[in-house]
């Protein structure tokens, strides 16, 4: 990848009784110039009336089409998996995973990171976290973050697929991650 790199980030949280919680932050990293055909192909997968692709809303066959499309795209997937996550500590898990992911993206010379938009107050928490990472030199000032809505940014769907495939693999459904494994770097982080 030689052009300007951007990354689109989505999360997945899994809390189940009797299991350690799991927090996943997945990033789709791509040159800006390679994104228009990826967006077009993703939009072509939408069903009538569907505004976005979302892993949890798709059945197995549609998930297979989704990851197969991602597997052919000119991009990289960087996924941070944090565990164990306690039910009342999910924002803590997000901060730990975000620190690891943003550092990794900065090391890859990503210039702009688009985080999936949450609520206004939670987006502000992300901004405070990023400012703290700049201040402590965990990430350089080259890397900029913004929030984006998945309704308007299909590249966030790619990150959602990566997070979903990783989560499915933890349930013994490794066929999805196997399709995109050649694009995927997974980093395990303990949530302290």
N, C-alpha and C. Protein backbone atom coordinates (compact mmCIF):
# COMPACT_ATOMS: atom_id res chain seq x y z
N UNK A 1 0.85 -1.18 0.00
CA UNK A 1 0.00 0.00 0.00
C UNK A 1 0.89 1.24 0.00
N UNK A 2 0.74 2.07 -1.03
CA UNK A 2 1.63 3.21 -1.17
C UNK A 2 0.92 4.55 -1.03
N UNK A 3 -0.42 4.61 -1.22
CA UNK A 3 -1.16 5.86 -1.11
C UNK A 3 -1.56 6.16 0.32
N UNK A 4 -2.37 7.22 0.49
CA UNK A 4 -2.85 7.61 1.82
C UNK A 4 -3.70 6.48 2.40
N UNK A 5 -3.36 6.06 3.60
CA UNK A 5 -4.09 4.98 4.27
C UNK A 5 -5.11 5.53 5.25
N UNK A 6 -6.31 5.01 5.17
CA UNK A 6 -7.35 5.29 6.15
C UNK A 6 -7.79 3.96 6.76
N UNK A 7 -8.44 4.04 7.91
CA UNK A 7 -8.97 2.85 8.57
C UNK A 7 -10.37 3.14 9.06
N UNK A 8 -11.21 2.12 8.99
CA UNK A 8 -12.60 2.21 9.45
C UNK A 8 -12.77 1.16 10.54
N UNK A 9 -13.30 1.57 11.69
CA UNK A 9 -13.29 0.73 12.89
C UNK A 9 -14.71 0.47 13.40
N UNK A 10 -14.97 -0.80 13.70
CA UNK A 10 -16.24 -1.19 14.31
C UNK A 10 -15.94 -2.09 15.50
N UNK A 11 -16.91 -2.19 16.39
CA UNK A 11 -16.75 -2.98 17.60
C UNK A 11 -17.73 -4.13 17.66
N UNK A 12 -17.40 -5.09 18.49
CA UNK A 12 -18.31 -6.17 18.82
C UNK A 12 -18.07 -6.53 20.28
N UNK A 13 -19.13 -6.67 21.02
CA UNK A 13 -19.05 -7.02 22.44
C UNK A 13 -19.84 -8.30 22.64
N UNK A 14 -19.22 -9.24 23.36
CA UNK A 14 -19.91 -10.48 23.67
C UNK A 14 -19.82 -10.73 25.17
N UNK A 15 -20.98 -10.73 25.80
CA UNK A 15 -21.09 -11.03 27.23
C UNK A 15 -22.08 -12.17 27.39
N UNK A 16 -21.58 -13.31 27.86
CA UNK A 16 -22.43 -14.47 28.07
C UNK A 16 -22.19 -15.03 29.46
N UNK A 17 -23.25 -15.49 30.09
CA UNK A 17 -23.13 -16.08 31.42
C UNK A 17 -22.18 -17.27 31.37
N UNK A 18 -21.28 -17.32 32.34
CA UNK A 18 -20.36 -18.44 32.46
C UNK A 18 -19.15 -18.37 31.55
N UNK A 19 -19.01 -17.30 30.75
CA UNK A 19 -17.86 -17.14 29.85
C UNK A 19 -17.19 -15.80 30.12
N UNK A 20 -15.87 -15.72 29.91
CA UNK A 20 -15.25 -14.40 30.02
C UNK A 20 -15.74 -13.53 28.87
N UNK A 21 -16.07 -12.28 29.18
CA UNK A 21 -16.53 -11.38 28.14
C UNK A 21 -15.45 -11.13 27.10
N UNK A 22 -15.88 -10.70 25.93
CA UNK A 22 -14.99 -10.50 24.79
C UNK A 22 -15.32 -9.16 24.16
N UNK A 23 -14.30 -8.33 23.95
CA UNK A 23 -14.49 -7.05 23.26
C UNK A 23 -13.59 -7.05 22.03
N UNK A 24 -14.17 -6.78 20.88
CA UNK A 24 -13.43 -6.81 19.62
C UNK A 24 -13.51 -5.44 18.97
N UNK A 25 -12.36 -4.91 18.59
CA UNK A 25 -12.29 -3.72 17.74
C UNK A 25 -11.61 -4.14 16.45
N UNK A 26 -12.31 -3.99 15.34
CA UNK A 26 -11.77 -4.41 14.05
C UNK A 26 -11.61 -3.20 13.15
N UNK A 27 -10.51 -3.16 12.41
CA UNK A 27 -10.25 -2.07 11.49
C UNK A 27 -10.04 -2.62 10.09
N UNK A 28 -10.68 -1.97 9.13
CA UNK A 28 -10.42 -2.21 7.71
C UNK A 28 -9.48 -1.11 7.27
N UNK A 29 -8.28 -1.47 6.82
CA UNK A 29 -7.25 -0.50 6.43
C UNK A 29 -7.10 -0.56 4.91
N UNK A 30 -7.22 0.60 4.28
CA UNK A 30 -7.13 0.62 2.82
C UNK A 30 -6.61 1.97 2.34
N UNK A 31 -6.01 1.95 1.16
CA UNK A 31 -5.67 3.19 0.49
C UNK A 31 -6.98 3.86 0.08
N UNK A 32 -7.04 5.15 0.24
CA UNK A 32 -8.26 5.89 -0.08
C UNK A 32 -8.67 5.63 -1.53
N UNK A 33 -7.71 5.56 -2.43
CA UNK A 33 -8.02 5.38 -3.85
C UNK A 33 -8.62 4.01 -4.18
N UNK A 34 -8.44 3.02 -3.32
CA UNK A 34 -8.98 1.68 -3.59
C UNK A 34 -10.40 1.50 -3.03
N UNK A 35 -10.93 2.48 -2.33
CA UNK A 35 -12.22 2.32 -1.65
C UNK A 35 -13.46 2.42 -2.55
N UNK A 36 -13.50 3.26 -3.58
CA UNK A 36 -14.75 3.35 -4.37
C UNK A 36 -15.25 2.01 -4.91
N UNK A 37 -14.41 1.14 -5.49
CA UNK A 37 -14.97 -0.13 -5.95
C UNK A 37 -15.42 -1.05 -4.81
N UNK A 38 -14.75 -0.95 -3.66
CA UNK A 38 -15.17 -1.75 -2.50
C UNK A 38 -16.55 -1.30 -2.04
N UNK A 39 -16.73 0.02 -1.94
CA UNK A 39 -18.04 0.55 -1.54
C UNK A 39 -19.14 0.12 -2.52
N UNK A 40 -18.85 0.20 -3.80
CA UNK A 40 -19.82 -0.18 -4.82
C UNK A 40 -20.21 -1.65 -4.67
N UNK A 41 -19.19 -2.52 -4.51
CA UNK A 41 -19.48 -3.95 -4.38
C UNK A 41 -20.29 -4.25 -3.11
N UNK A 42 -19.98 -3.55 -2.04
CA UNK A 42 -20.74 -3.74 -0.80
C UNK A 42 -22.19 -3.30 -0.98
N UNK A 43 -22.38 -2.15 -1.61
CA UNK A 43 -23.74 -1.66 -1.84
C UNK A 43 -24.53 -2.62 -2.73
N UNK A 44 -23.85 -3.30 -3.64
CA UNK A 44 -24.51 -4.28 -4.50
C UNK A 44 -25.05 -5.48 -3.71
N UNK A 45 -24.51 -5.72 -2.51
CA UNK A 45 -25.00 -6.82 -1.67
C UNK A 45 -26.28 -6.48 -0.90
N UNK A 46 -26.63 -5.20 -0.85
CA UNK A 46 -27.81 -4.80 -0.08
C UNK A 46 -29.08 -5.39 -0.68
N UNK A 47 -29.95 -5.83 0.19
CA UNK A 47 -31.27 -6.30 -0.22
C UNK A 47 -32.21 -5.11 -0.34
N UNK A 48 -33.30 -5.27 -1.03
CA UNK A 48 -34.27 -4.19 -1.18
C UNK A 48 -34.71 -3.69 0.20
N UNK A 49 -34.61 -2.39 0.40
CA UNK A 49 -35.01 -1.78 1.67
C UNK A 49 -33.93 -1.78 2.74
N UNK A 50 -32.83 -2.47 2.50
CA UNK A 50 -31.73 -2.55 3.48
C UNK A 50 -30.84 -1.32 3.31
N UNK A 51 -30.52 -0.66 4.43
CA UNK A 51 -29.70 0.56 4.38
C UNK A 51 -28.23 0.29 4.59
N UNK A 52 -27.91 -0.85 5.19
CA UNK A 52 -26.52 -1.19 5.47
C UNK A 52 -26.40 -2.68 5.69
N UNK A 53 -25.19 -3.19 5.53
CA UNK A 53 -24.92 -4.58 5.90
C UNK A 53 -24.52 -4.59 7.37
N UNK A 54 -25.07 -5.52 8.10
CA UNK A 54 -24.71 -5.67 9.51
C UNK A 54 -24.64 -7.15 9.82
N UNK A 55 -23.49 -7.59 10.31
CA UNK A 55 -23.22 -9.01 10.53
C UNK A 55 -24.35 -9.72 11.26
N UNK A 56 -24.80 -9.13 12.36
CA UNK A 56 -25.79 -9.82 13.19
C UNK A 56 -27.14 -9.98 12.50
N UNK A 57 -27.40 -9.18 11.46
CA UNK A 57 -28.67 -9.26 10.76
C UNK A 57 -28.67 -10.23 9.58
N UNK A 58 -27.50 -10.75 9.24
CA UNK A 58 -27.38 -11.60 8.05
C UNK A 58 -27.40 -13.08 8.42
N UNK A 59 -27.94 -13.91 7.54
CA UNK A 59 -27.90 -15.35 7.78
C UNK A 59 -26.56 -15.90 7.29
N UNK A 60 -26.34 -17.19 7.47
CA UNK A 60 -25.05 -17.80 7.13
C UNK A 60 -24.65 -17.63 5.68
N UNK A 61 -25.60 -17.78 4.76
CA UNK A 61 -25.27 -17.65 3.34
C UNK A 61 -24.88 -16.22 2.99
N UNK A 62 -25.59 -15.26 3.54
CA UNK A 62 -25.27 -13.84 3.28
C UNK A 62 -23.94 -13.47 3.94
N UNK A 63 -23.66 -14.01 5.12
CA UNK A 63 -22.37 -13.77 5.76
C UNK A 63 -21.24 -14.31 4.89
N UNK A 64 -21.46 -15.46 4.30
CA UNK A 64 -20.45 -16.05 3.42
C UNK A 64 -20.19 -15.13 2.23
N UNK A 65 -21.24 -14.60 1.60
CA UNK A 65 -21.08 -13.65 0.49
C UNK A 65 -20.33 -12.41 0.95
N UNK A 66 -20.68 -11.93 2.13
CA UNK A 66 -20.09 -10.73 2.72
C UNK A 66 -18.57 -10.91 2.87
N UNK A 67 -18.15 -11.97 3.55
CA UNK A 67 -16.70 -12.16 3.77
C UNK A 67 -15.99 -12.54 2.48
N UNK A 68 -16.67 -13.18 1.56
CA UNK A 68 -16.05 -13.51 0.28
C UNK A 68 -15.75 -12.24 -0.52
N UNK A 69 -16.66 -11.29 -0.45
CA UNK A 69 -16.40 -9.99 -1.09
C UNK A 69 -15.21 -9.30 -0.42
N UNK A 70 -15.19 -9.29 0.91
CA UNK A 70 -14.08 -8.67 1.65
C UNK A 70 -12.77 -9.34 1.27
N UNK A 71 -12.78 -10.65 1.12
CA UNK A 71 -11.55 -11.40 0.81
C UNK A 71 -10.92 -10.97 -0.51
N UNK A 72 -11.73 -10.47 -1.44
CA UNK A 72 -11.23 -10.04 -2.75
C UNK A 72 -10.82 -8.57 -2.77
N UNK A 73 -11.11 -7.85 -1.70
CA UNK A 73 -10.84 -6.41 -1.67
C UNK A 73 -9.36 -6.12 -1.42
N UNK A 74 -8.94 -4.97 -1.88
CA UNK A 74 -7.57 -4.51 -1.69
C UNK A 74 -7.49 -3.76 -0.36
N UNK A 75 -7.34 -4.52 0.72
CA UNK A 75 -7.30 -3.93 2.06
C UNK A 75 -6.66 -4.91 3.02
N UNK A 76 -6.51 -4.44 4.25
CA UNK A 76 -5.98 -5.25 5.34
C UNK A 76 -6.94 -5.13 6.51
N UNK A 77 -7.05 -6.17 7.30
CA UNK A 77 -7.88 -6.17 8.50
C UNK A 77 -6.99 -6.29 9.73
N UNK A 78 -7.16 -5.38 10.67
CA UNK A 78 -6.42 -5.43 11.93
C UNK A 78 -7.47 -5.52 13.03
N UNK A 79 -7.38 -6.59 13.82
CA UNK A 79 -8.40 -6.85 14.83
C UNK A 79 -7.74 -7.00 16.20
N UNK A 80 -8.27 -6.26 17.16
CA UNK A 80 -7.81 -6.36 18.55
C UNK A 80 -8.92 -7.03 19.34
N UNK A 81 -8.55 -8.08 20.08
CA UNK A 81 -9.50 -8.83 20.90
C UNK A 81 -9.09 -8.68 22.35
N UNK A 82 -9.97 -8.09 23.14
CA UNK A 82 -9.71 -7.91 24.57
C UNK A 82 -10.58 -8.81 25.40
N UNK A 83 -9.97 -9.44 26.40
CA UNK A 83 -10.70 -10.33 27.29
C UNK A 83 -9.92 -10.45 28.60
N UNK A 84 -10.52 -10.70 29.73
CA UNK A 84 -11.95 -10.84 29.97
C UNK A 84 -12.60 -9.46 30.15
N UNK A 85 -13.87 -9.37 29.78
CA UNK A 85 -14.62 -8.14 29.93
C UNK A 85 -15.76 -8.39 30.91
N UNK A 86 -15.83 -7.57 31.92
CA UNK A 86 -16.93 -7.66 32.88
C UNK A 86 -18.09 -6.81 32.37
N UNK A 87 -19.33 -7.22 32.64
CA UNK A 87 -20.49 -6.50 32.10
C UNK A 87 -20.49 -5.00 32.35
N UNK A 88 -20.05 -4.56 33.50
CA UNK A 88 -20.08 -3.13 33.81
C UNK A 88 -18.77 -2.42 33.45
N UNK A 89 -17.89 -3.12 32.77
CA UNK A 89 -16.57 -2.56 32.43
C UNK A 89 -16.34 -2.51 30.92
N UNK A 90 -17.41 -2.45 30.12
CA UNK A 90 -17.20 -2.49 28.68
C UNK A 90 -16.52 -1.24 28.14
N UNK A 91 -16.74 -0.07 28.74
CA UNK A 91 -16.02 1.13 28.28
C UNK A 91 -14.54 1.03 28.61
N UNK A 92 -14.22 0.40 29.73
CA UNK A 92 -12.82 0.14 30.07
C UNK A 92 -12.20 -0.76 29.01
N UNK A 93 -12.92 -1.81 28.64
CA UNK A 93 -12.41 -2.71 27.60
C UNK A 93 -12.22 -1.97 26.29
N UNK A 94 -13.14 -1.08 25.95
CA UNK A 94 -12.99 -0.30 24.71
C UNK A 94 -11.72 0.54 24.75
N UNK A 95 -11.47 1.19 25.88
CA UNK A 95 -10.27 2.04 25.98
C UNK A 95 -8.99 1.21 25.82
N UNK A 96 -8.93 0.06 26.46
CA UNK A 96 -7.75 -0.81 26.36
C UNK A 96 -7.56 -1.26 24.91
N UNK A 97 -8.64 -1.70 24.29
CA UNK A 97 -8.55 -2.17 22.90
C UNK A 97 -8.24 -1.01 21.94
N UNK A 98 -8.85 0.14 22.20
CA UNK A 98 -8.61 1.31 21.34
C UNK A 98 -7.15 1.73 21.39
N UNK A 99 -6.57 1.72 22.58
CA UNK A 99 -5.15 2.08 22.70
C UNK A 99 -4.30 1.14 21.84
N UNK A 100 -4.55 -0.16 21.96
CA UNK A 100 -3.78 -1.13 21.19
C UNK A 100 -4.00 -0.99 19.70
N UNK A 101 -5.25 -0.80 19.29
CA UNK A 101 -5.55 -0.70 17.87
C UNK A 101 -4.99 0.59 17.26
N UNK A 102 -5.20 1.71 17.92
CA UNK A 102 -4.70 2.98 17.35
C UNK A 102 -3.17 2.99 17.27
N UNK A 103 -2.52 2.41 18.27
CA UNK A 103 -1.06 2.31 18.21
C UNK A 103 -0.65 1.47 16.99
N UNK A 104 -1.32 0.35 16.79
CA UNK A 104 -1.01 -0.53 15.66
C UNK A 104 -1.26 0.18 14.33
N UNK A 105 -2.35 0.91 14.23
CA UNK A 105 -2.65 1.64 12.99
C UNK A 105 -1.65 2.75 12.75
N UNK A 106 -1.25 3.42 13.81
CA UNK A 106 -0.23 4.48 13.69
C UNK A 106 1.09 3.89 13.19
N UNK A 107 1.45 2.71 13.67
CA UNK A 107 2.67 2.05 13.22
C UNK A 107 2.59 1.68 11.74
N UNK A 108 1.40 1.51 11.23
CA UNK A 108 1.19 1.19 9.81
C UNK A 108 1.09 2.46 8.96
N UNK A 109 1.27 3.62 9.56
CA UNK A 109 1.22 4.93 8.88
C UNK A 109 -0.18 5.29 8.40
N UNK A 110 -1.20 4.81 9.10
CA UNK A 110 -2.58 5.22 8.80
C UNK A 110 -2.71 6.70 9.17
N UNK A 111 -3.31 7.47 8.29
CA UNK A 111 -3.46 8.91 8.52
C UNK A 111 -4.79 9.28 9.17
N UNK A 112 -5.84 8.57 8.81
CA UNK A 112 -7.16 8.92 9.34
C UNK A 112 -7.90 7.64 9.72
N UNK A 113 -8.52 7.68 10.89
CA UNK A 113 -9.30 6.56 11.40
C UNK A 113 -10.74 7.03 11.58
N UNK A 114 -11.65 6.28 11.00
CA UNK A 114 -13.08 6.56 11.11
C UNK A 114 -13.68 5.53 12.07
N UNK A 115 -14.09 6.00 13.24
CA UNK A 115 -14.72 5.13 14.24
C UNK A 115 -16.23 5.13 14.01
N UNK A 116 -16.84 3.96 14.13
CA UNK A 116 -18.29 3.94 14.00
C UNK A 116 -18.91 4.82 15.08
N UNK A 117 -19.77 5.71 14.67
CA UNK A 117 -20.41 6.65 15.58
C UNK A 117 -21.30 5.92 16.57
N UNK A 118 -21.23 6.38 17.82
CA UNK A 118 -22.11 5.85 18.86
C UNK A 118 -22.99 7.01 19.30
N UNK A 119 -23.21 7.19 20.58
CA UNK A 119 -23.96 8.37 21.03
C UNK A 119 -23.01 9.55 21.14
N UNK A 120 -23.57 10.75 21.23
CA UNK A 120 -22.74 11.95 21.34
C UNK A 120 -21.81 11.87 22.55
N UNK A 121 -22.32 11.43 23.70
CA UNK A 121 -21.48 11.37 24.90
C UNK A 121 -20.40 10.30 24.78
N UNK A 122 -20.71 9.17 24.16
CA UNK A 122 -19.70 8.13 23.98
C UNK A 122 -18.66 8.54 22.93
N UNK A 123 -19.09 9.25 21.90
CA UNK A 123 -18.13 9.78 20.92
C UNK A 123 -17.16 10.75 21.59
N UNK A 124 -17.67 11.56 22.52
CA UNK A 124 -16.80 12.49 23.25
C UNK A 124 -15.79 11.73 24.10
N UNK A 125 -16.22 10.62 24.71
CA UNK A 125 -15.28 9.79 25.48
C UNK A 125 -14.16 9.28 24.57
N UNK A 126 -14.51 8.88 23.35
CA UNK A 126 -13.48 8.45 22.39
C UNK A 126 -12.51 9.59 22.10
N UNK A 127 -13.02 10.80 21.90
CA UNK A 127 -12.17 11.95 21.61
C UNK A 127 -11.22 12.25 22.76
N UNK A 128 -11.72 12.14 23.99
CA UNK A 128 -10.86 12.36 25.17
C UNK A 128 -9.77 11.29 25.22
N UNK A 129 -10.14 10.05 24.91
CA UNK A 129 -9.17 8.95 24.89
C UNK A 129 -8.08 9.20 23.86
N UNK A 130 -8.47 9.63 22.67
CA UNK A 130 -7.49 9.89 21.62
C UNK A 130 -6.56 11.03 22.03
N UNK A 131 -7.09 12.07 22.62
CA UNK A 131 -6.26 13.19 23.09
C UNK A 131 -5.25 12.71 24.12
N UNK A 132 -5.67 11.82 25.01
CA UNK A 132 -4.76 11.27 26.01
C UNK A 132 -3.66 10.44 25.35
N UNK A 133 -3.99 9.70 24.31
CA UNK A 133 -2.99 8.89 23.60
C UNK A 133 -1.97 9.78 22.88
N UNK A 134 -2.44 10.91 22.33
CA UNK A 134 -1.50 11.88 21.74
C UNK A 134 -0.58 12.41 22.83
N UNK A 135 -1.19 12.80 23.95
CA UNK A 135 -0.42 13.40 25.05
C UNK A 135 0.62 12.47 25.63
N UNK A 136 0.34 11.19 25.66
CA UNK A 136 1.28 10.22 26.22
C UNK A 136 2.18 9.60 25.14
N UNK A 137 2.08 10.11 23.92
CA UNK A 137 2.91 9.67 22.78
C UNK A 137 2.71 8.21 22.40
N UNK A 138 1.55 7.66 22.71
CA UNK A 138 1.22 6.31 22.27
C UNK A 138 0.96 6.32 20.77
N UNK A 139 0.36 7.42 20.30
CA UNK A 139 0.15 7.61 18.86
C UNK A 139 0.70 8.98 18.46
N UNK A 140 1.07 9.10 17.20
CA UNK A 140 1.62 10.36 16.71
C UNK A 140 0.50 11.29 16.27
N UNK A 141 0.84 12.55 16.08
CA UNK A 141 -0.15 13.54 15.64
C UNK A 141 -0.49 13.39 14.17
N UNK A 142 0.18 12.50 13.47
CA UNK A 142 -0.16 12.22 12.07
C UNK A 142 -1.54 11.58 11.98
N UNK A 143 -1.87 10.75 12.96
CA UNK A 143 -3.11 9.98 12.94
C UNK A 143 -4.27 10.85 13.45
N UNK A 144 -5.30 10.95 12.67
CA UNK A 144 -6.50 11.72 13.03
C UNK A 144 -7.69 10.77 13.12
N UNK A 145 -8.58 11.05 14.07
CA UNK A 145 -9.76 10.22 14.22
C UNK A 145 -11.02 11.06 14.05
N UNK A 146 -12.03 10.43 13.49
CA UNK A 146 -13.35 11.03 13.35
C UNK A 146 -14.38 9.91 13.53
N UNK A 147 -15.63 10.30 13.68
CA UNK A 147 -16.71 9.33 13.77
C UNK A 147 -17.52 9.37 12.48
N UNK A 148 -18.03 8.23 12.09
CA UNK A 148 -18.84 8.13 10.88
C UNK A 148 -19.99 7.15 11.12
N UNK A 149 -21.06 7.37 10.40
CA UNK A 149 -22.23 6.49 10.51
C UNK A 149 -22.15 5.37 9.49
N UNK A 150 -22.44 4.14 9.91
CA UNK A 150 -22.41 3.02 8.96
C UNK A 150 -23.50 3.10 7.90
N UNK A 151 -24.51 3.92 8.12
CA UNK A 151 -25.54 4.10 7.10
C UNK A 151 -24.95 4.81 5.88
N UNK A 152 -23.94 5.67 6.12
CA UNK A 152 -23.35 6.46 5.04
C UNK A 152 -21.96 6.00 4.63
N UNK A 153 -21.33 5.10 5.40
CA UNK A 153 -19.96 4.68 5.09
C UNK A 153 -19.86 3.16 5.05
N UNK A 154 -19.94 2.59 3.84
CA UNK A 154 -19.86 1.14 3.70
C UNK A 154 -18.54 0.53 4.16
N UNK A 155 -17.46 1.29 4.21
CA UNK A 155 -16.19 0.72 4.68
C UNK A 155 -16.29 0.27 6.14
N UNK A 156 -17.21 0.85 6.89
CA UNK A 156 -17.43 0.39 8.26
C UNK A 156 -18.03 -1.02 8.27
N UNK A 157 -18.72 -1.39 7.20
CA UNK A 157 -19.31 -2.72 7.11
C UNK A 157 -18.21 -3.78 7.04
N UNK A 158 -17.10 -3.43 6.41
CA UNK A 158 -15.98 -4.36 6.31
C UNK A 158 -15.44 -4.69 7.71
N UNK A 159 -15.26 -3.63 8.51
CA UNK A 159 -14.79 -3.85 9.89
C UNK A 159 -15.80 -4.68 10.68
N UNK A 160 -17.08 -4.43 10.46
CA UNK A 160 -18.13 -5.21 11.12
C UNK A 160 -18.03 -6.68 10.74
N UNK A 161 -17.78 -6.96 9.47
CA UNK A 161 -17.63 -8.35 9.03
C UNK A 161 -16.43 -9.02 9.69
N UNK A 162 -15.32 -8.29 9.80
CA UNK A 162 -14.13 -8.85 10.44
C UNK A 162 -14.41 -9.17 11.90
N UNK A 163 -15.04 -8.24 12.61
CA UNK A 163 -15.37 -8.47 14.02
C UNK A 163 -16.33 -9.65 14.15
N UNK A 164 -17.31 -9.72 13.28
CA UNK A 164 -18.27 -10.82 13.31
C UNK A 164 -17.62 -12.17 13.04
N UNK A 165 -16.71 -12.20 12.07
CA UNK A 165 -16.02 -13.45 11.73
C UNK A 165 -15.14 -13.93 12.88
N UNK A 166 -14.46 -12.99 13.54
CA UNK A 166 -13.63 -13.35 14.70
C UNK A 166 -14.51 -13.90 15.82
N UNK A 167 -15.62 -13.24 16.09
CA UNK A 167 -16.53 -13.69 17.14
C UNK A 167 -17.10 -15.07 16.81
N UNK A 168 -17.49 -15.27 15.54
CA UNK A 168 -18.03 -16.58 15.13
C UNK A 168 -16.99 -17.68 15.31
N UNK A 169 -15.73 -17.36 15.02
CA UNK A 169 -14.65 -18.35 15.18
C UNK A 169 -14.53 -18.78 16.63
N UNK A 170 -14.77 -17.85 17.56
CA UNK A 170 -14.71 -18.18 18.99
C UNK A 170 -15.83 -19.13 19.38
N UNK A 171 -16.87 -19.20 18.54
CA UNK A 171 -17.98 -20.13 18.77
C UNK A 171 -17.83 -21.42 17.97
N UNK A 172 -16.65 -21.62 17.37
CA UNK A 172 -16.40 -22.82 16.60
C UNK A 172 -16.83 -22.74 15.15
N UNK A 173 -17.22 -21.55 14.69
CA UNK A 173 -17.62 -21.36 13.29
C UNK A 173 -16.48 -20.66 12.56
N UNK A 174 -15.40 -21.39 12.34
CA UNK A 174 -14.18 -20.82 11.76
C UNK A 174 -14.20 -20.66 10.26
N UNK A 175 -15.28 -21.07 9.60
CA UNK A 175 -15.31 -20.98 8.14
C UNK A 175 -15.30 -19.54 7.63
N UNK A 176 -15.88 -18.60 8.38
CA UNK A 176 -15.90 -17.21 7.93
C UNK A 176 -14.51 -16.58 8.03
N UNK A 177 -13.85 -16.76 9.16
CA UNK A 177 -12.52 -16.16 9.33
C UNK A 177 -11.53 -16.83 8.39
N UNK A 178 -11.72 -18.09 8.07
CA UNK A 178 -10.82 -18.77 7.15
C UNK A 178 -10.79 -18.08 5.79
N UNK A 179 -11.92 -17.52 5.37
CA UNK A 179 -12.02 -16.85 4.07
C UNK A 179 -11.19 -15.57 4.03
N UNK A 180 -11.11 -14.86 5.16
CA UNK A 180 -10.40 -13.57 5.19
C UNK A 180 -9.09 -13.63 5.99
N UNK A 181 -8.69 -14.83 6.36
CA UNK A 181 -7.48 -14.98 7.19
C UNK A 181 -6.25 -14.35 6.54
N UNK A 182 -6.12 -14.44 5.22
CA UNK A 182 -4.96 -13.90 4.52
C UNK A 182 -4.86 -12.38 4.63
N UNK A 183 -5.95 -11.72 4.99
CA UNK A 183 -5.96 -10.26 5.14
C UNK A 183 -5.86 -9.81 6.60
N UNK A 184 -5.96 -10.76 7.52
CA UNK A 184 -6.23 -10.44 8.92
C UNK A 184 -5.03 -10.61 9.85
N UNK A 185 -4.79 -9.56 10.64
CA UNK A 185 -3.86 -9.62 11.76
C UNK A 185 -4.69 -9.51 13.03
N UNK A 186 -4.58 -10.48 13.92
CA UNK A 186 -5.34 -10.47 15.16
C UNK A 186 -4.39 -10.30 16.33
N UNK A 187 -4.73 -9.36 17.21
CA UNK A 187 -3.90 -9.05 18.38
C UNK A 187 -4.75 -9.28 19.62
N UNK A 188 -4.29 -10.14 20.49
CA UNK A 188 -4.98 -10.43 21.75
C UNK A 188 -4.44 -9.48 22.84
N UNK A 189 -5.35 -8.85 23.57
CA UNK A 189 -4.97 -7.91 24.62
C UNK A 189 -5.71 -8.27 25.90
N UNK A 190 -4.99 -8.43 27.01
CA UNK A 190 -5.71 -8.65 28.26
C UNK A 190 -6.34 -7.36 28.75
N UNK A 191 -7.60 -7.43 29.18
CA UNK A 191 -8.27 -6.27 29.75
C UNK A 191 -7.97 -6.29 31.24
N UNK A 192 -7.14 -5.37 31.66
CA UNK A 192 -6.68 -5.35 33.03
C UNK A 192 -7.69 -4.72 33.96
